[in-house]
Amino acid sequence: TESEPGKGDFHPLECSYGQLVRFWGNQCRHHTVANSTDATRVSFDFRVVPCYLYTGAFKGFIGDYPTILAPGPLTPPESIAAHLGGP
C-alpha cells in the first residue's frame, strides 16, 4: 500500500499471527501479489458505509465489490444529523 494517498511508494503490510492491519484503503492505492509460499494467506475486506450516506450512485458496488445493505438506520442519528446539516 502507499504510505499516503497518491505517493506511489508501495510497501508490504506485514503482520504476525493473530494481528490485523487497518488502513485507509479507500484513499491509498493497494494491491497484492500471488502467494508463492506454502503458507495460507487470508484477507478479509470490509467496506462500511452507513445506510444514510449510501446513495446507490455506483450501481450496487463499492469499488469492484458488490454491496450488501445490512439493517440499520436510514437517517443519521440526531447527534450526526446536526453536523450534516440535516434535521
N, C-alpha and C. Protein backbone atom coordinates (compact mmCIF):
# COMPACT_ATOMS: atom_id res chain seq x y z
N THR A 1 0.84 -1.18 0.00
CA THR A 1 0.00 0.00 0.00
C THR A 1 0.89 1.25 0.00
N GLU A 2 0.28 2.36 -0.34
CA GLU A 2 1.01 3.63 -0.28
C GLU A 2 1.05 4.12 1.16
N SER A 3 2.05 4.92 1.50
CA SER A 3 2.12 5.48 2.84
C SER A 3 1.13 6.64 3.00
N GLU A 4 0.77 7.28 1.90
CA GLU A 4 -0.24 8.33 1.90
C GLU A 4 -0.82 8.41 0.49
N PRO A 5 -2.04 8.93 0.35
CA PRO A 5 -2.70 8.95 -0.95
C PRO A 5 -1.86 9.60 -2.06
N GLY A 6 -1.73 8.88 -3.18
CA GLY A 6 -1.05 9.41 -4.35
C GLY A 6 0.46 9.39 -4.32
N LYS A 7 1.06 8.91 -3.24
CA LYS A 7 2.51 8.96 -3.12
C LYS A 7 3.22 7.91 -3.99
N GLY A 8 2.59 6.75 -4.21
CA GLY A 8 3.16 5.72 -5.06
C GLY A 8 4.34 4.97 -4.47
N ASP A 9 4.56 5.10 -3.17
CA ASP A 9 5.68 4.43 -2.50
C ASP A 9 5.22 3.11 -1.89
N PHE A 10 4.80 2.19 -2.71
CA PHE A 10 4.21 0.94 -2.26
C PHE A 10 5.15 0.13 -1.37
N HIS A 11 4.59 -0.44 -0.32
CA HIS A 11 5.34 -1.30 0.59
C HIS A 11 4.37 -2.34 1.16
N PRO A 12 4.89 -3.50 1.54
CA PRO A 12 4.00 -4.54 2.10
C PRO A 12 3.53 -4.18 3.50
N LEU A 13 2.34 -4.66 3.81
CA LEU A 13 1.81 -4.56 5.16
C LEU A 13 1.95 -5.94 5.78
N GLU A 14 2.93 -6.11 6.64
CA GLU A 14 3.21 -7.42 7.23
C GLU A 14 2.74 -7.45 8.67
N CYS A 15 2.19 -8.59 9.05
CA CYS A 15 1.79 -8.75 10.45
C CYS A 15 2.01 -10.20 10.86
N SER A 16 2.04 -10.40 12.14
CA SER A 16 2.26 -11.74 12.70
C SER A 16 0.93 -12.42 12.97
N TYR A 17 1.00 -13.70 13.26
CA TYR A 17 -0.19 -14.48 13.59
C TYR A 17 -1.00 -13.78 14.67
N GLY A 18 -2.29 -13.64 14.44
CA GLY A 18 -3.18 -13.02 15.42
C GLY A 18 -3.29 -11.51 15.29
N GLN A 19 -2.48 -10.91 14.44
CA GLN A 19 -2.54 -9.46 14.25
C GLN A 19 -3.39 -9.13 13.03
N LEU A 20 -3.79 -7.88 12.93
CA LEU A 20 -4.51 -7.42 11.75
C LEU A 20 -3.98 -6.06 11.35
N VAL A 21 -4.30 -5.67 10.14
CA VAL A 21 -3.88 -4.38 9.62
C VAL A 21 -5.12 -3.61 9.19
N ARG A 22 -5.20 -2.37 9.58
CA ARG A 22 -6.28 -1.48 9.16
C ARG A 22 -5.63 -0.27 8.53
N PHE A 23 -6.12 0.12 7.37
CA PHE A 23 -5.53 1.28 6.68
C PHE A 23 -6.60 1.96 5.84
N TRP A 24 -6.27 3.12 5.32
CA TRP A 24 -7.20 3.92 4.52
C TRP A 24 -7.23 3.41 3.08
N GLY A 25 -7.79 2.20 2.90
CA GLY A 25 -7.84 1.58 1.59
C GLY A 25 -8.71 2.32 0.60
N ASN A 26 -9.58 3.20 1.07
CA ASN A 26 -10.40 4.00 0.16
C ASN A 26 -9.62 5.19 -0.39
N GLN A 27 -8.47 5.49 0.19
CA GLN A 27 -7.69 6.63 -0.25
C GLN A 27 -6.32 6.24 -0.78
N CYS A 28 -5.69 5.23 -0.19
CA CYS A 28 -4.37 4.79 -0.61
C CYS A 28 -4.49 3.61 -1.56
N ARG A 29 -3.79 3.69 -2.68
CA ARG A 29 -3.81 2.58 -3.63
C ARG A 29 -3.11 1.38 -3.00
N HIS A 30 -3.61 0.21 -3.32
CA HIS A 30 -3.04 -1.02 -2.76
C HIS A 30 -3.33 -2.18 -3.70
N HIS A 31 -2.55 -3.22 -3.55
CA HIS A 31 -2.71 -4.42 -4.37
C HIS A 31 -2.03 -5.59 -3.66
N THR A 32 -2.12 -6.75 -4.25
CA THR A 32 -1.44 -7.91 -3.70
C THR A 32 -0.69 -8.63 -4.81
N VAL A 33 0.15 -9.55 -4.43
CA VAL A 33 0.87 -10.39 -5.38
C VAL A 33 0.50 -11.83 -5.08
N ALA A 34 0.73 -12.70 -6.02
CA ALA A 34 0.42 -14.12 -5.83
C ALA A 34 1.21 -14.68 -4.64
N ASN A 35 0.57 -15.55 -3.88
CA ASN A 35 1.21 -16.19 -2.74
C ASN A 35 2.05 -17.36 -3.25
N SER A 36 3.35 -17.24 -3.19
CA SER A 36 4.25 -18.28 -3.69
C SER A 36 4.81 -19.15 -2.56
N THR A 37 4.24 -19.04 -1.36
CA THR A 37 4.72 -19.83 -0.22
C THR A 37 3.80 -21.02 0.02
N ASP A 38 4.18 -21.87 0.97
CA ASP A 38 3.32 -22.98 1.37
C ASP A 38 2.34 -22.57 2.47
N ALA A 39 2.44 -21.34 2.93
CA ALA A 39 1.55 -20.85 3.99
C ALA A 39 0.28 -20.28 3.37
N THR A 40 -0.81 -20.39 4.10
CA THR A 40 -2.08 -19.85 3.65
C THR A 40 -2.17 -18.38 4.03
N ARG A 41 -2.61 -17.58 3.09
CA ARG A 41 -2.82 -16.16 3.36
C ARG A 41 -4.33 -15.92 3.36
N VAL A 42 -4.81 -15.20 4.36
CA VAL A 42 -6.23 -14.90 4.48
C VAL A 42 -6.40 -13.39 4.49
N SER A 43 -7.38 -12.92 3.76
CA SER A 43 -7.67 -11.49 3.71
C SER A 43 -9.16 -11.28 3.82
N PHE A 44 -9.57 -10.41 4.72
CA PHE A 44 -10.96 -10.00 4.85
C PHE A 44 -11.05 -8.55 4.44
N ASP A 45 -11.97 -8.23 3.59
CA ASP A 45 -12.11 -6.87 3.09
C ASP A 45 -13.48 -6.34 3.50
N PHE A 46 -13.50 -5.40 4.42
CA PHE A 46 -14.75 -4.79 4.87
C PHE A 46 -14.77 -3.34 4.41
N ARG A 47 -15.83 -2.98 3.74
CA ARG A 47 -16.04 -1.60 3.32
C ARG A 47 -17.38 -1.20 3.92
N VAL A 48 -17.34 -0.27 4.84
CA VAL A 48 -18.53 0.07 5.61
C VAL A 48 -18.96 1.50 5.30
N VAL A 49 -20.22 1.64 4.92
CA VAL A 49 -20.81 2.95 4.67
C VAL A 49 -22.15 2.97 5.40
N PRO A 50 -22.38 3.94 6.27
CA PRO A 50 -23.69 4.00 6.93
C PRO A 50 -24.81 4.12 5.89
N CYS A 51 -25.93 3.45 6.13
CA CYS A 51 -27.05 3.45 5.19
C CYS A 51 -27.48 4.87 4.81
N TYR A 52 -27.46 5.79 5.75
CA TYR A 52 -27.93 7.14 5.46
C TYR A 52 -26.96 7.91 4.56
N LEU A 53 -25.75 7.40 4.34
CA LEU A 53 -24.82 8.04 3.42
C LEU A 53 -24.75 7.32 2.07
N TYR A 54 -25.33 6.13 1.99
CA TYR A 54 -25.27 5.35 0.77
C TYR A 54 -26.29 5.89 -0.23
N THR A 55 -25.81 6.26 -1.41
CA THR A 55 -26.70 6.84 -2.42
C THR A 55 -27.05 5.86 -3.53
N GLY A 56 -26.32 4.77 -3.66
CA GLY A 56 -26.57 3.84 -4.75
C GLY A 56 -26.01 4.33 -6.07
N ALA A 57 -25.23 5.42 -6.03
CA ALA A 57 -24.70 6.02 -7.25
C ALA A 57 -23.75 5.09 -8.01
N PHE A 58 -23.22 4.08 -7.36
CA PHE A 58 -22.26 3.19 -8.00
C PHE A 58 -22.89 1.86 -8.40
N LYS A 59 -24.21 1.89 -8.59
CA LYS A 59 -24.97 0.75 -9.11
C LYS A 59 -24.72 -0.53 -8.31
N GLY A 60 -24.74 -0.40 -6.99
CA GLY A 60 -24.62 -1.58 -6.14
C GLY A 60 -23.20 -2.05 -5.87
N PHE A 61 -22.21 -1.23 -6.22
CA PHE A 61 -20.81 -1.62 -5.98
C PHE A 61 -20.09 -0.54 -5.21
N ILE A 62 -19.15 -0.97 -4.36
CA ILE A 62 -18.18 -0.07 -3.75
C ILE A 62 -16.84 -0.57 -4.27
N GLY A 63 -16.20 0.18 -5.12
CA GLY A 63 -15.02 -0.31 -5.82
C GLY A 63 -15.45 -1.43 -6.75
N ASP A 64 -14.76 -2.54 -6.70
CA ASP A 64 -15.11 -3.70 -7.52
C ASP A 64 -16.01 -4.69 -6.79
N TYR A 65 -16.43 -4.34 -5.59
CA TYR A 65 -17.15 -5.29 -4.75
C TYR A 65 -18.63 -4.97 -4.68
N PRO A 66 -19.49 -5.99 -4.83
CA PRO A 66 -20.93 -5.75 -4.69
C PRO A 66 -21.27 -5.38 -3.25
N THR A 67 -22.26 -4.53 -3.10
CA THR A 67 -22.65 -4.10 -1.76
C THR A 67 -23.80 -4.94 -1.24
N ILE A 68 -23.84 -5.09 0.05
CA ILE A 68 -24.94 -5.74 0.74
C ILE A 68 -25.41 -4.75 1.80
N LEU A 69 -26.66 -4.35 1.72
CA LEU A 69 -27.19 -3.43 2.70
C LEU A 69 -27.69 -4.20 3.91
N ALA A 70 -27.09 -3.91 5.04
CA ALA A 70 -27.48 -4.55 6.30
C ALA A 70 -28.49 -3.66 7.00
N PRO A 71 -29.31 -4.23 7.85
CA PRO A 71 -30.26 -3.40 8.59
C PRO A 71 -29.56 -2.31 9.38
N GLY A 72 -30.12 -1.16 9.35
CA GLY A 72 -29.55 -0.03 10.08
C GLY A 72 -30.40 1.20 9.83
N PRO A 73 -30.12 2.26 10.54
CA PRO A 73 -30.93 3.46 10.36
C PRO A 73 -30.74 4.05 8.96
N LEU A 74 -31.85 4.47 8.36
CA LEU A 74 -31.78 5.11 7.05
C LEU A 74 -31.52 6.60 7.17
N THR A 75 -31.61 7.11 8.36
CA THR A 75 -31.30 8.51 8.61
C THR A 75 -30.25 8.55 9.71
N PRO A 76 -29.42 9.59 9.71
CA PRO A 76 -28.36 9.64 10.73
C PRO A 76 -28.93 9.91 12.12
N PRO A 77 -28.26 9.40 13.13
CA PRO A 77 -28.65 9.75 14.49
C PRO A 77 -28.62 11.27 14.65
N GLU A 78 -29.44 11.79 15.54
CA GLU A 78 -29.54 13.25 15.71
C GLU A 78 -28.20 13.90 15.96
N SER A 79 -27.32 13.23 16.70
CA SER A 79 -26.02 13.82 17.01
C SER A 79 -25.18 14.02 15.75
N ILE A 80 -25.38 13.18 14.75
CA ILE A 80 -24.62 13.30 13.49
C ILE A 80 -25.37 14.19 12.51
N ALA A 81 -26.71 14.13 12.53
CA ALA A 81 -27.52 14.90 11.60
C ALA A 81 -27.21 16.39 11.68
N ALA A 82 -26.97 16.87 12.88
CA ALA A 82 -26.67 18.29 13.05
C ALA A 82 -25.40 18.68 12.31
N HIS A 83 -24.41 17.80 12.29
CA HIS A 83 -23.16 18.08 11.60
C HIS A 83 -23.31 17.97 10.08
N LEU A 84 -24.31 17.19 9.64
CA LEU A 84 -24.53 17.02 8.19
C LEU A 84 -25.50 18.07 7.64
N GLY A 85 -26.01 18.91 8.51
CA GLY A 85 -26.95 19.94 8.06
C GLY A 85 -28.36 19.40 7.90
N GLY A 86 -28.65 18.26 8.51
CA GLY A 86 -29.97 17.64 8.40
C GLY A 86 -30.86 18.03 9.56
N PRO A 87 -32.01 17.36 9.64
CA PRO A 87 -32.99 17.68 10.71
C PRO A 87 -32.44 17.41 12.10
